[in-house]
Amino acid sequence: MKDLLKKGLALGLGFAIVSKEQIEKTMDELVKKGELSANESKDLVDELIKKGEEQQSEINTKLKEQVQQILNELNLPNKADIERLENRIAQLEKEPSQE
């Protein structure tokens, strides 16, 4: 499910989430063709991975913000609300009945 979400976000945002192995394979091919030196390849791989991680972090932050906003709009109880109610119920159950 998480992978499906990542792919959907990548498609929607117009960029592809590429694995480190895929990047390295592509760079190795460019080195073999003589289009890049080995040092340039390593630097470029590192830069692409760093940028990918930064973009993923930004996406995760924005996604969390959106989910939190939606949950707030739905006015759903959060964990603290539920724990407070559970404690109150337990307290009421301990009190003697006033019937």
PDB file of N, CA and C in Angstrom:
ATOM      1  N   MET A   1       0.827  -1.187   0.000  1.00  0.00           N
ATOM      2  CA  MET A   1       0.000   0.000   0.000  1.00  0.00           C
ATOM      3  C   MET A   1       0.869   1.247   0.000  1.00  0.00           C
ATOM      4  N   LYS A   2       1.926   1.247   0.842  1.00  0.00           N
ATOM      5  CA  LYS A   2       2.807   2.394   0.911  1.00  0.00           C
ATOM      6  C   LYS A   2       3.506   2.623  -0.430  1.00  0.00           C
ATOM      7  N   ASP A   3       3.954   1.527  -1.065  1.00  0.00           N
ATOM      8  CA  ASP A   3       4.596   1.651  -2.369  1.00  0.00           C
ATOM      9  C   ASP A   3       3.628   2.190  -3.414  1.00  0.00           C
ATOM     10  N   LEU A   4       2.391   1.736  -3.353  1.00  0.00           N
ATOM     11  CA  LEU A   4       1.384   2.214  -4.286  1.00  0.00           C
ATOM     12  C   LEU A   4       1.146   3.705  -4.097  1.00  0.00           C
ATOM     13  N   LEU A   5       1.115   4.133  -2.847  1.00  0.00           N
ATOM     14  CA  LEU A   5       0.930   5.552  -2.548  1.00  0.00           C
ATOM     15  C   LEU A   5       2.107   6.364  -3.068  1.00  0.00           C
ATOM     16  N   LYS A   6       3.323   5.859  -2.841  1.00  0.00           N
ATOM     17  CA  LYS A   6       4.511   6.554  -3.334  1.00  0.00           C
ATOM     18  C   LYS A   6       4.469   6.709  -4.854  1.00  0.00           C
ATOM     19  N   LYS A   7       4.099   5.620  -5.553  1.00  0.00           N
ATOM     20  CA  LYS A   7       4.043   5.668  -7.008  1.00  0.00           C
ATOM     21  C   LYS A   7       2.967   6.649  -7.480  1.00  0.00           C
ATOM     22  N   GLY A   8       1.853   6.645  -6.784  1.00  0.00           N
ATOM     23  CA  GLY A   8       0.785   7.581  -7.144  1.00  0.00           C
ATOM     24  C   GLY A   8       1.206   9.022  -6.945  1.00  0.00           C
ATOM     25  N   LEU A   9       1.888   9.290  -5.832  1.00  0.00           N
ATOM     26  CA  LEU A   9       2.373  10.645  -5.585  1.00  0.00           C
ATOM     27  C   LEU A   9       3.422  11.043  -6.621  1.00  0.00           C
ATOM     28  N   ALA A  10       4.302  10.101  -6.932  1.00  0.00           N
ATOM     29  CA  ALA A  10       5.344  10.395  -7.913  1.00  0.00           C
ATOM     30  C   ALA A  10       4.721  10.734  -9.256  1.00  0.00           C
ATOM     31  N   LEU A  11       3.741   9.979  -9.654  1.00  0.00           N
ATOM     32  CA  LEU A  11       3.076  10.223 -10.929  1.00  0.00           C
ATOM     33  C   LEU A  11       2.362  11.573 -10.898  1.00  0.00           C
ATOM     34  N   GLY A  12       1.662  11.830  -9.807  1.00  0.00           N
ATOM     35  CA  GLY A  12       0.900  13.075  -9.685  1.00  0.00           C
ATOM     36  C   GLY A  12       1.783  14.296  -9.626  1.00  0.00           C
ATOM     37  N   LEU A  13       2.972  14.169  -9.072  1.00  0.00           N
ATOM     38  CA  LEU A  13       3.869  15.314  -8.953  1.00  0.00           C
ATOM     39  C   LEU A  13       4.815  15.438 -10.136  1.00  0.00           C
ATOM     40  N   GLY A  14       4.747  14.497 -11.030  1.00  0.00           N
ATOM     41  CA  GLY A  14       5.529  14.608 -12.256  1.00  0.00           C
ATOM     42  C   GLY A  14       6.984  14.194 -12.143  1.00  0.00           C
ATOM     43  N   PHE A  15       7.341  13.420 -11.144  1.00  0.00           N
ATOM     44  CA  PHE A  15       8.706  12.911 -11.076  1.00  0.00           C
ATOM     45  C   PHE A  15       8.665  11.441 -10.714  1.00  0.00           C
ATOM     46  N   ALA A  16       9.718  10.748 -11.047  1.00  0.00           N
ATOM     47  CA  ALA A  16       9.764   9.306 -10.794  1.00  0.00           C
ATOM     48  C   ALA A  16      10.621   9.035  -9.570  1.00  0.00           C
ATOM     49  N   ILE A  17      10.154   8.169  -8.707  1.00  0.00           N
ATOM     50  CA  ILE A  17      10.959   7.736  -7.576  1.00  0.00           C
ATOM     51  C   ILE A  17      11.820   6.587  -8.094  1.00  0.00           C
ATOM     52  N   VAL A  18      13.117   6.837  -8.105  1.00  0.00           N
ATOM     53  CA  VAL A  18      14.046   5.891  -8.694  1.00  0.00           C
ATOM     54  C   VAL A  18      14.939   5.336  -7.593  1.00  0.00           C
ATOM     55  N   SER A  19      15.182   4.053  -7.629  1.00  0.00           N
ATOM     56  CA  SER A  19      16.024   3.427  -6.610  1.00  0.00           C
ATOM     57  C   SER A  19      17.497   3.757  -6.857  1.00  0.00           C
ATOM     58  N   LYS A  20      18.267   3.635  -5.794  1.00  0.00           N
ATOM     59  CA  LYS A  20      19.701   3.874  -5.875  1.00  0.00           C
ATOM     60  C   LYS A  20      20.337   2.954  -6.912  1.00  0.00           C
ATOM     61  N   GLU A  21      19.894   1.707  -6.938  1.00  0.00           N
ATOM     62  CA  GLU A  21      20.452   0.741  -7.882  1.00  0.00           C
ATOM     63  C   GLU A  21      20.190   1.162  -9.334  1.00  0.00           C
ATOM     64  N   GLN A  22      18.995   1.679  -9.594  1.00  0.00           N
ATOM     65  CA  GLN A  22      18.671   2.119 -10.951  1.00  0.00           C
ATOM     66  C   GLN A  22      19.534   3.314 -11.353  1.00  0.00           C
ATOM     67  N   ILE A  23      19.733   4.225 -10.417  1.00  0.00           N
ATOM     68  CA  ILE A  23      20.571   5.396 -10.700  1.00  0.00           C
ATOM     69  C   ILE A  23      21.998   4.946 -10.988  1.00  0.00           C
ATOM     70  N   GLU A  24      22.532   4.072 -10.128  1.00  0.00           N
ATOM     71  CA  GLU A  24      23.906   3.601 -10.310  1.00  0.00           C
ATOM     72  C   GLU A  24      24.065   2.844 -11.624  1.00  0.00           C
ATOM     73  N   LYS A  25      23.077   2.051 -11.989  1.00  0.00           N
ATOM     74  CA  LYS A  25      23.135   1.304 -13.253  1.00  0.00           C
ATOM     75  C   LYS A  25      23.202   2.267 -14.435  1.00  0.00           C
ATOM     76  N   THR A  26      22.369   3.291 -14.402  1.00  0.00           N
ATOM     77  CA  THR A  26      22.364   4.283 -15.483  1.00  0.00           C
ATOM     78  C   THR A  26      23.698   5.017 -15.556  1.00  0.00           C
ATOM     79  N   MET A  27      24.244   5.396 -14.401  1.00  0.00           N
ATOM     80  CA  MET A  27      25.528   6.100 -14.374  1.00  0.00           C
ATOM     81  C   MET A  27      26.650   5.198 -14.884  1.00  0.00           C
ATOM     82  N   ASP A  28      26.615   3.908 -14.511  1.00  0.00           N
ATOM     83  CA  ASP A  28      27.631   2.963 -14.997  1.00  0.00           C
ATOM     84  C   ASP A  28      27.594   2.866 -16.519  1.00  0.00           C
ATOM     85  N   GLU A  29      26.403   2.857 -17.074  1.00  0.00           N
ATOM     86  CA  GLU A  29      26.267   2.811 -18.532  1.00  0.00           C
ATOM     87  C   GLU A  29      26.858   4.066 -19.179  1.00  0.00           C
ATOM     88  N   LEU A  30      26.625   5.232 -18.551  1.00  0.00           N
ATOM     89  CA  LEU A  30      27.186   6.481 -19.088  1.00  0.00           C
ATOM     90  C   LEU A  30      28.709   6.481 -18.987  1.00  0.00           C
ATOM     91  N   VAL A  31      29.251   5.893 -17.917  1.00  0.00           N
ATOM     92  CA  VAL A  31      30.705   5.794 -17.771  1.00  0.00           C
ATOM     93  C   VAL A  31      31.268   4.882 -18.853  1.00  0.00           C
ATOM     94  N   LYS A  32      30.604   3.738 -19.103  1.00  0.00           N
ATOM     95  CA  LYS A  32      31.065   2.802 -20.128  1.00  0.00           C
ATOM     96  C   LYS A  32      31.056   3.447 -21.513  1.00  0.00           C
ATOM     97  N   LYS A  33      30.058   4.305 -21.753  1.00  0.00           N
ATOM     98  CA  LYS A  33      29.970   4.980 -23.053  1.00  0.00           C
ATOM     99  C   LYS A  33      30.952   6.141 -23.157  1.00  0.00           C
ATOM    100  N   GLY A  34      31.572   6.491 -22.026  1.00  0.00           N
ATOM    101  CA  GLY A  34      32.537   7.587 -22.041  1.00  0.00           C
ATOM    102  C   GLY A  34      31.889   8.959 -21.902  1.00  0.00           C
ATOM    103  N   GLU A  35      30.631   8.997 -21.562  1.00  0.00           N
ATOM    104  CA  GLU A  35      29.928  10.270 -21.423  1.00  0.00           C
ATOM    105  C   GLU A  35      30.153  10.891 -20.047  1.00  0.00           C
ATOM    106  N   LEU A  36      30.600  10.100 -19.087  1.00  0.00           N
ATOM    107  CA  LEU A  36      30.904  10.567 -17.733  1.00  0.00           C
ATOM    108  C   LEU A  36      32.161   9.876 -17.240  1.00  0.00           C
ATOM    109  N   SER A  37      32.914  10.584 -16.392  1.00  0.00           N
ATOM    110  CA  SER A  37      34.036   9.925 -15.727  1.00  0.00           C
ATOM    111  C   SER A  37      33.503   9.215 -14.489  1.00  0.00           C
ATOM    112  N   ALA A  38      34.312   8.340 -13.924  1.00  0.00           N
ATOM    113  CA  ALA A  38      33.891   7.600 -12.730  1.00  0.00           C
ATOM    114  C   ALA A  38      33.626   8.550 -11.571  1.00  0.00           C
ATOM    115  N   ASN A  39      34.474   9.581 -11.433  1.00  0.00           N
ATOM    116  CA  ASN A  39      34.278  10.551 -10.347  1.00  0.00           C
ATOM    117  C   ASN A  39      32.997  11.353 -10.552  1.00  0.00           C
ATOM    118  N   GLU A  40      32.755  11.777 -11.779  1.00  0.00           N
ATOM    119  CA  GLU A  40      31.525  12.521 -12.072  1.00  0.00           C
ATOM    120  C   GLU A  40      30.299  11.653 -11.793  1.00  0.00           C
ATOM    121  N   SER A  41      30.415  10.401 -12.141  1.00  0.00           N
ATOM    122  CA  SER A  41      29.314   9.462 -11.937  1.00  0.00           C
ATOM    123  C   SER A  41      28.989   9.342 -10.451  1.00  0.00           C
ATOM    124  N   LYS A  42      30.028   9.150  -9.629  1.00  0.00           N
ATOM    125  CA  LYS A  42      29.817   9.010  -8.189  1.00  0.00           C
ATOM    126  C   LYS A  42      29.189  10.281  -7.616  1.00  0.00           C
ATOM    127  N   ASP A  43      29.716  11.440  -8.004  1.00  0.00           N
ATOM    128  CA  ASP A  43      29.171  12.707  -7.511  1.00  0.00           C
ATOM    129  C   ASP A  43      27.718  12.883  -7.932  1.00  0.00           C
ATOM    130  N   LEU A  44      27.424  12.532  -9.165  1.00  0.00           N
ATOM    131  CA  LEU A  44      26.066  12.686  -9.682  1.00  0.00           C
ATOM    132  C   LEU A  44      25.102  11.727  -8.979  1.00  0.00           C
ATOM    133  N   VAL A  45      25.547  10.506  -8.735  1.00  0.00           N
ATOM    134  CA  VAL A  45      24.718   9.530  -8.011  1.00  0.00           C
ATOM    135  C   VAL A  45      24.402  10.068  -6.620  1.00  0.00           C
ATOM    136  N   ASP A  46      25.434  10.543  -5.929  1.00  0.00           N
ATOM    137  CA  ASP A  46      25.238  11.083  -4.584  1.00  0.00           C
ATOM    138  C   ASP A  46      24.267  12.266  -4.593  1.00  0.00           C
ATOM    139  N   GLU A  47      24.429  13.147  -5.570  1.00  0.00           N
ATOM    140  CA  GLU A  47      23.563  14.324  -5.673  1.00  0.00           C
ATOM    141  C   GLU A  47      22.113  13.923  -5.963  1.00  0.00           C
ATOM    142  N   LEU A  48      21.928  12.992  -6.897  1.00  0.00           N
ATOM    143  CA  LEU A  48      20.576  12.557  -7.233  1.00  0.00           C
ATOM    144  C   LEU A  48      19.893  11.865  -6.050  1.00  0.00           C
ATOM    145  N   ILE A  49      20.644  11.055  -5.329  1.00  0.00           N
ATOM    146  CA  ILE A  49      20.083  10.368  -4.160  1.00  0.00           C
ATOM    147  C   ILE A  49      19.712  11.387  -3.093  1.00  0.00           C
ATOM    148  N   LYS A  50      20.584  12.359  -2.871  1.00  0.00           N
ATOM    149  CA  LYS A  50      20.304  13.398  -1.866  1.00  0.00           C
ATOM    150  C   LYS A  50      19.046  14.179  -2.237  1.00  0.00           C
ATOM    151  N   LYS A  51      18.948  14.576  -3.500  1.00  0.00           N
ATOM    152  CA  LYS A  51      17.770  15.315  -3.947  1.00  0.00           C
ATOM    153  C   LYS A  51      16.505  14.469  -3.828  1.00  0.00           C
ATOM    154  N   GLY A  52      16.617  13.197  -4.161  1.00  0.00           N
ATOM    155  CA  GLY A  52      15.474  12.294  -4.050  1.00  0.00           C
ATOM    156  C   GLY A  52      15.012  12.158  -2.612  1.00  0.00           C
ATOM    157  N   GLU A  53      15.964  12.035  -1.691  1.00  0.00           N
ATOM    158  CA  GLU A  53      15.624  11.928  -0.275  1.00  0.00           C
ATOM    159  C   GLU A  53      14.979  13.214   0.230  1.00  0.00           C
ATOM    160  N   GLU A  54      15.495  14.366  -0.224  1.00  0.00           N
ATOM    161  CA  GLU A  54      14.912  15.647   0.178  1.00  0.00           C
ATOM    162  C   GLU A  54      13.474  15.769  -0.334  1.00  0.00           C
ATOM    163  N   GLN A  55      13.259  15.393  -1.579  1.00  0.00           N
ATOM    164  CA  GLN A  55      11.914  15.460  -2.148  1.00  0.00           C
ATOM    165  C   GLN A  55      10.976  14.503  -1.423  1.00  0.00           C
ATOM    166  N   GLN A  56      11.467  13.319  -1.092  1.00  0.00           N
ATOM    167  CA  GLN A  56      10.641  12.349  -0.375  1.00  0.00           C
ATOM    168  C   GLN A  56      10.272  12.882   0.998  1.00  0.00           C
ATOM    169  N   SER A  57      11.229  13.529   1.653  1.00  0.00           N
ATOM    170  CA  SER A  57      10.971  14.108   2.970  1.00  0.00           C
ATOM    171  C   SER A  57       9.915  15.210   2.875  1.00  0.00           C
ATOM    172  N   GLU A  58      10.021  16.053   1.858  1.00  0.00           N
ATOM    173  CA  GLU A  58       9.032  17.119   1.655  1.00  0.00           C
ATOM    174  C   GLU A  58       7.646  16.533   1.384  1.00  0.00           C
ATOM    175  N   ILE A  59       7.595  15.501   0.585  1.00  0.00           N
ATOM    176  CA  ILE A  59       6.317  14.852   0.275  1.00  0.00           C
ATOM    177  C   ILE A  59       5.710  14.269   1.545  1.00  0.00           C
ATOM    178  N   ASN A  60       6.534  13.588   2.334  1.00  0.00           N
ATOM    179  CA  ASN A  60       6.038  12.998   3.575  1.00  0.00           C
ATOM    180  C   ASN A  60       5.488  14.064   4.516  1.00  0.00           C
ATOM    181  N   THR A  61       6.196  15.180   4.625  1.00  0.00           N
ATOM    182  CA  THR A  61       5.742  16.271   5.494  1.00  0.00           C
ATOM    183  C   THR A  61       4.412  16.827   5.002  1.00  0.00           C
ATOM    184  N   LYS A  62       4.312  17.084   3.714  1.00  0.00           N
ATOM    185  CA  LYS A  62       3.071  17.625   3.160  1.00  0.00           C
ATOM    186  C   LYS A  62       1.918  16.633   3.287  1.00  0.00           C
ATOM    187  N   LEU A  63       2.222  15.368   3.088  1.00  0.00           N
ATOM    188  CA  LEU A  63       1.197  14.337   3.203  1.00  0.00           C
ATOM    189  C   LEU A  63       0.677  14.252   4.638  1.00  0.00           C
ATOM    190  N   LYS A  64       1.586  14.281   5.602  1.00  0.00           N
ATOM    191  CA  LYS A  64       1.181  14.255   7.011  1.00  0.00           C
ATOM    192  C   LYS A  64       0.316  15.473   7.346  1.00  0.00           C
ATOM    193  N   GLU A  65       0.709  16.635   6.835  1.00  0.00           N
ATOM    194  CA  GLU A  65      -0.074  17.849   7.084  1.00  0.00           C
ATOM    195  C   GLU A  65      -1.481  17.720   6.501  1.00  0.00           C
ATOM    196  N   GLN A  66      -1.575  17.181   5.301  1.00  0.00           N
ATOM    197  CA  GLN A  66      -2.876  17.012   4.652  1.00  0.00           C
ATOM    198  C   GLN A  66      -3.753  16.021   5.416  1.00  0.00           C
ATOM    199  N   VAL A  67      -3.163  14.916   5.844  1.00  0.00           N
ATOM    200  CA  VAL A  67      -3.922  13.916   6.591  1.00  0.00           C
ATOM    201  C   VAL A  67      -4.412  14.520   7.899  1.00  0.00           C
ATOM    202  N   GLN A  68      -3.537  15.261   8.589  1.00  0.00           N
ATOM    203  CA  GLN A  68      -3.925  15.884   9.851  1.00  0.00           C
ATOM    204  C   GLN A  68      -5.044  16.894   9.633  1.00  0.00           C
ATOM    205  N   GLN A  69      -4.962  17.660   8.570  1.00  0.00           N
ATOM    206  CA  GLN A  69      -6.004  18.639   8.257  1.00  0.00           C
ATOM    207  C   GLN A  69      -7.342  17.945   7.997  1.00  0.00           C
ATOM    208  N   ILE A  70      -7.301  16.875   7.242  1.00  0.00           N
ATOM    209  CA  ILE A  70      -8.535  16.128   6.941  1.00  0.00           C
ATOM    210  C   ILE A  70      -9.132  15.554   8.225  1.00  0.00           C
ATOM    211  N   LEU A  71      -8.278  14.976   9.077  1.00  0.00           N
ATOM    212  CA  LEU A  71      -8.773  14.417  10.339  1.00  0.00           C
ATOM    213  C   LEU A  71      -9.389  15.509  11.217  1.00  0.00           C
ATOM    214  N   ASN A  72      -8.755  16.677  11.236  1.00  0.00           N
ATOM    215  CA  ASN A  72      -9.310  17.792  12.014  1.00  0.00           C
ATOM    216  C   ASN A  72     -10.655  18.232  11.466  1.00  0.00           C
ATOM    217  N   GLU A  73     -10.774  18.289  10.150  1.00  0.00           N
ATOM    218  CA  GLU A  73     -12.033  18.701   9.520  1.00  0.00           C
ATOM    219  C   GLU A  73     -13.149  17.687   9.789  1.00  0.00           C
ATOM    220  N   LEU A  74     -12.789  16.414   9.904  1.00  0.00           N
ATOM    221  CA  LEU A  74     -13.777  15.377  10.180  1.00  0.00           C
ATOM    222  C   LEU A  74     -14.174  15.353  11.657  1.00  0.00           C
ATOM    223  N   ASN A  75     -13.431  16.097  12.469  1.00  0.00           N
ATOM    224  CA  ASN A  75     -13.706  16.208  13.890  1.00  0.00           C
ATOM    225  C   ASN A  75     -13.702  14.833  14.575  1.00  0.00           C
ATOM    226  N   LEU A  76     -12.763  13.999  14.195  1.00  0.00           N
ATOM    227  CA  LEU A  76     -12.625  12.673  14.788  1.00  0.00           C
ATOM    228  C   LEU A  76     -11.853  12.780  16.106  1.00  0.00           C
ATOM    229  N   PRO A  77     -12.186  11.937  17.066  1.00  0.00           N
ATOM    230  CA  PRO A  77     -11.428  11.967  18.317  1.00  0.00           C
ATOM    231  C   PRO A  77     -10.003  11.467  18.089  1.00  0.00           C
ATOM    232  N   ASN A  78      -9.069  12.089  18.779  1.00  0.00           N
ATOM    233  CA  ASN A  78      -7.686  11.638  18.661  1.00  0.00           C
ATOM    234  C   ASN A  78      -7.352  10.685  19.807  1.00  0.00           C
ATOM    235  N   LYS A  79      -6.152  10.208  19.845  1.00  0.00           N
ATOM    236  CA  LYS A  79      -5.738   9.221  20.836  1.00  0.00           C
ATOM    237  C   LYS A  79      -5.918   9.765  22.251  1.00  0.00           C
ATOM    238  N   ALA A  80      -5.546  11.015  22.467  1.00  0.00           N
ATOM    239  CA  ALA A  80      -5.677  11.614  23.798  1.00  0.00           C
ATOM    240  C   ALA A  80      -7.139  11.688  24.228  1.00  0.00           C
ATOM    241  N   ASP A  81      -8.022  12.021  23.285  1.00  0.00           N
ATOM    242  CA  ASP A  81      -9.465  12.065  23.601  1.00  0.00           C
ATOM    243  C   ASP A  81      -9.968  10.689  24.041  1.00  0.00           C
ATOM    244  N   ILE A  82      -9.577   9.677  23.314  1.00  0.00           N
ATOM    245  CA  ILE A  82     -10.024   8.313  23.606  1.00  0.00           C
ATOM    246  C   ILE A  82      -9.476   7.847  24.957  1.00  0.00           C
ATOM    247  N   GLU A  83      -8.199   8.137  25.220  1.00  0.00           N
ATOM    248  CA  GLU A  83      -7.612   7.755  26.510  1.00  0.00           C
ATOM    249  C   GLU A  83      -8.315   8.462  27.662  1.00  0.00           C
ATOM    250  N   ARG A  84      -8.639   9.744  27.483  1.00  0.00           N
ATOM    251  CA  ARG A  84      -9.342  10.502  28.513  1.00  0.00           C
ATOM    252  C   ARG A  84     -10.709   9.870  28.791  1.00  0.00           C
ATOM    253  N   LEU A  85     -11.418   9.500  27.748  1.00  0.00           N
ATOM    254  CA  LEU A  85     -12.730   8.877  27.917  1.00  0.00           C
ATOM    255  C   LEU A  85     -12.625   7.494  28.569  1.00  0.00           C
ATOM    256  N   GLU A  86     -11.618   6.733  28.179  1.00  0.00           N
ATOM    257  CA  GLU A  86     -11.418   5.421  28.793  1.00  0.00           C
ATOM    258  C   GLU A  86     -11.145   5.558  30.288  1.00  0.00           C
ATOM    259  N   ASN A  87     -10.333   6.528  30.658  1.00  0.00           N
ATOM    260  CA  ASN A  87     -10.042   6.768  32.072  1.00  0.00           C
ATOM    261  C   ASN A  87     -11.299   7.195  32.826  1.00  0.00           C
ATOM    262  N   ARG A  88     -12.098   8.030  32.209  1.00  0.00           N
ATOM    263  CA  ARG A  88     -13.342   8.487  32.840  1.00  0.00           C
ATOM    264  C   ARG A  88     -14.306   7.316  33.029  1.00  0.00           C
ATOM    265  N   ILE A  89     -14.406   6.461  32.042  1.00  0.00           N
ATOM    266  CA  ILE A  89     -15.276   5.283  32.137  1.00  0.00           C
ATOM    267  C   ILE A  89     -14.790   4.373  33.269  1.00  0.00           C
ATOM    268  N   ALA A  90     -13.499   4.148  33.335  1.00  0.00           N
ATOM    269  CA  ALA A  90     -12.937   3.308  34.395  1.00  0.00           C
ATOM    270  C   ALA A  90     -13.229   3.906  35.763  1.00  0.00           C
ATOM    271  N   GLN A  91     -13.109   5.219  35.854  1.00  0.00           N
ATOM    272  CA  GLN A  91     -13.398   5.907  37.121  1.00  0.00           C
ATOM    273  C   GLN A  91     -14.869   5.746  37.497  1.00  0.00           C
ATOM    274  N   LEU A  92     -15.753   5.912  36.537  1.00  0.00           N
ATOM    275  CA  LEU A  92     -17.186   5.776  36.800  1.00  0.00           C
ATOM    276  C   LEU A  92     -17.550   4.347  37.192  1.00  0.00           C
ATOM    277  N   GLU A  93     -16.879   3.374  36.606  1.00  0.00           N
ATOM    278  CA  GLU A  93     -17.145   1.977  36.927  1.00  0.00           C
ATOM    279  C   GLU A  93     -16.720   1.640  38.356  1.00  0.00           C
ATOM    280  N   LYS A  94     -15.732   2.341  38.897  1.00  0.00           N
ATOM    281  CA  LYS A  94     -15.253   2.097  40.249  1.00  0.00           C
ATOM    282  C   LYS A  94     -16.171   2.730  41.294  1.00  0.00           C
ATOM    283  N   GLU A  95     -16.869   3.793  40.927  1.00  0.00           N
ATOM    284  CA  GLU A  95     -17.761   4.474  41.873  1.00  0.00           C
ATOM    285  C   GLU A  95     -18.941   3.582  42.219  1.00  0.00           C
ATOM    286  N   PRO A  96     -19.387   3.663  43.480  1.00  0.00           N
ATOM    287  CA  PRO A  96     -20.548   2.862  43.852  1.00  0.00           C
ATOM    288  C   PRO A  96     -21.802   3.350  43.129  1.00  0.00           C
ATOM    289  N   SER A  97     -22.650   2.435  42.828  1.00  0.00           N
ATOM    290  CA  SER A  97     -23.897   2.751  42.122  1.00  0.00           C
ATOM    291  C   SER A  97     -24.813   3.555  43.032  1.00  0.00           C
ATOM    292  N   GLN A  98     -25.475   4.577  42.471  1.00  0.00           N
ATOM    293  CA  GLN A  98     -26.387   5.426  43.246  1.00  0.00           C
ATOM    294  C   GLN A  98     -27.830   5.139  42.884  1.00  0.00           C
ATOM    295  N   GLU A  99     -28.152   3.948  42.564  1.00  0.00           N
ATOM    296  CA  GLU A  99     -29.515   3.594  42.162  1.00  0.00           C
ATOM    297  C   GLU A  99     -30.443   3.508  43.306  1.00  0.00           C
TER     298      GLU A  99
END
